[in-house]
Amino acid sequence: MSEPKERSRAQQLMGDFAPKLAELTDDVLFGDVWEREGLSQRDRSLITVAALIANGNTDQLPGHLSRAKANGISEAELSEVMTHLAFYTGWPRAISAILVAKEVFKK
């Protein structure tokens, strides 16, 4: 008998409420878009973190900050991204991102 497949983060977060969105997140977003050859994983992480900060999406930021570190982006580089974005996206969004990052990097 095979062991049950480990549930993805998307399945854990929303699979019980929005199973199709969780499936699309796993299969299309992370299974296809993130795996395309046009950009490195590192570049995709930088773009994603910047977009989340610019749009004020701090709920999704912890997972993507961790992914960014796993993709080779240092905490110092992420701090610099947030400082740079303060001038383009607004001080409150940058400060909110920094507060999230401090919590993520404490662990």
Protein backbone atom coordinates (compact mmCIF):
# COMPACT_ATOMS: atom_id res chain seq x y z
CA MET A 1 0.00 0.00 0.00
CA SER A 2 1.43 3.43 -0.94
CA GLU A 3 1.78 6.22 1.56
CA PRO A 4 -0.53 9.21 1.16
CA LYS A 5 0.98 12.04 -0.86
CA GLU A 6 2.10 15.01 1.24
CA ARG A 7 -0.22 17.98 0.72
CA SER A 8 1.30 21.04 -0.92
CA ARG A 9 1.26 24.41 0.83
CA ALA A 10 -1.56 25.53 -1.49
CA GLN A 11 -3.54 22.42 -0.59
CA GLN A 12 -2.97 23.08 3.10
CA LEU A 13 -3.97 26.75 2.87
CA MET A 14 -7.01 26.57 0.63
CA GLY A 15 -7.57 23.07 -0.71
CA ASP A 16 -10.56 22.41 1.53
CA PHE A 17 -12.30 25.66 0.48
CA ALA A 18 -11.05 26.26 -3.08
CA PRO A 19 -9.63 22.96 -4.38
CA LYS A 20 -9.44 24.11 -8.01
CA LEU A 21 -7.47 27.24 -7.08
CA ALA A 22 -5.09 25.10 -5.02
CA GLU A 23 -4.69 22.73 -7.99
CA LEU A 24 -4.02 25.64 -10.38
CA THR A 25 -1.52 27.10 -7.91
CA ASP A 26 0.36 23.80 -7.76
CA ASP A 27 0.13 22.80 -11.40
CA VAL A 28 0.16 26.06 -13.34
CA LEU A 29 1.81 28.67 -11.13
CA PHE A 30 4.49 26.58 -9.43
CA GLY A 31 4.49 23.62 -11.82
CA ASP A 32 4.73 25.63 -15.04
CA VAL A 33 5.28 29.38 -14.66
CA TRP A 34 7.95 29.13 -11.96
CA GLU A 35 9.72 26.38 -13.93
CA ARG A 36 9.99 28.21 -17.25
CA GLU A 37 13.51 28.73 -18.56
CA GLY A 38 13.16 32.43 -19.41
CA LEU A 39 14.13 33.61 -15.91
CA SER A 40 16.09 32.05 -13.09
CA GLN A 41 14.36 31.03 -9.87
CA ARG A 42 16.34 33.81 -8.18
CA ASP A 43 15.03 36.43 -10.62
CA ARG A 44 11.48 35.14 -10.26
CA SER A 45 11.79 35.44 -6.48
CA LEU A 46 13.02 39.03 -6.71
CA ILE A 47 10.17 39.94 -9.05
CA THR A 48 7.58 38.19 -6.90
CA VAL A 49 8.76 39.76 -3.65
CA ALA A 50 8.81 43.21 -5.27
CA ALA A 51 5.31 42.73 -6.71
CA LEU A 52 3.92 41.55 -3.38
CA ILE A 53 5.43 44.55 -1.60
CA ALA A 54 4.26 46.98 -4.29
CA ASN A 55 0.70 45.69 -4.00
CA GLY A 56 0.72 45.51 -0.20
CA ASN A 57 0.21 41.72 -0.16
CA THR A 58 2.00 41.03 3.10
CA ASP A 59 -0.01 37.86 3.83
CA GLN A 60 1.77 36.09 0.97
CA LEU A 61 5.15 37.65 1.71
CA PRO A 62 6.50 35.21 4.37
CA GLY A 63 6.42 32.20 2.07
CA HIS A 64 7.99 34.11 -0.79
CA LEU A 65 10.70 35.61 1.42
CA SER A 66 11.62 32.08 2.51
CA ARG A 67 11.55 30.93 -1.12
CA ALA A 68 13.74 33.91 -2.09
CA LYS A 69 16.34 32.90 0.47
CA ALA A 70 16.20 29.30 -0.78
CA ASN A 71 16.72 30.69 -4.30
CA GLY A 72 19.95 32.42 -3.26
CA ILE A 73 18.83 35.93 -2.30
CA SER A 74 20.43 37.15 0.91
CA GLU A 75 18.64 38.95 3.71
CA ALA A 76 20.80 42.00 2.95
CA GLU A 77 19.64 41.97 -0.68
CA LEU A 78 16.00 41.64 0.38
CA SER A 79 16.46 44.54 2.79
CA GLU A 80 17.88 46.59 -0.07
CA VAL A 81 14.89 45.68 -2.26
CA MET A 82 12.54 46.96 0.45
CA THR A 83 14.53 50.16 0.91
CA HIS A 84 14.54 50.78 -2.83
CA LEU A 85 10.81 50.08 -3.12
CA ALA A 86 9.99 52.61 -0.38
CA PHE A 87 10.61 55.34 -2.96
CA TYR A 88 8.51 53.72 -5.68
CA THR A 89 5.68 52.00 -3.82
CA GLY A 90 5.40 54.08 -0.67
CA TRP A 91 6.89 54.15 2.78
CA PRO A 92 4.06 52.25 4.52
CA ARG A 93 4.32 49.29 2.15
CA ALA A 94 8.07 49.08 2.57
CA ILE A 95 7.82 49.33 6.35
CA SER A 96 5.12 46.64 6.43
CA ALA A 97 7.35 44.38 4.33
CA ILE A 98 10.32 44.99 6.62
CA LEU A 99 8.25 44.07 9.67
CA VAL A 100 7.20 40.82 7.98
CA ALA A 101 10.78 40.09 6.92
CA LYS A 102 12.08 40.62 10.46
CA GLU A 103 9.66 37.96 11.72
CA VAL A 104 10.47 35.53 8.90
CA PHE A 105 14.23 35.90 9.32
CA LYS A 106 14.05 35.50 13.11
CA LYS A 107 13.18 31.84 12.63
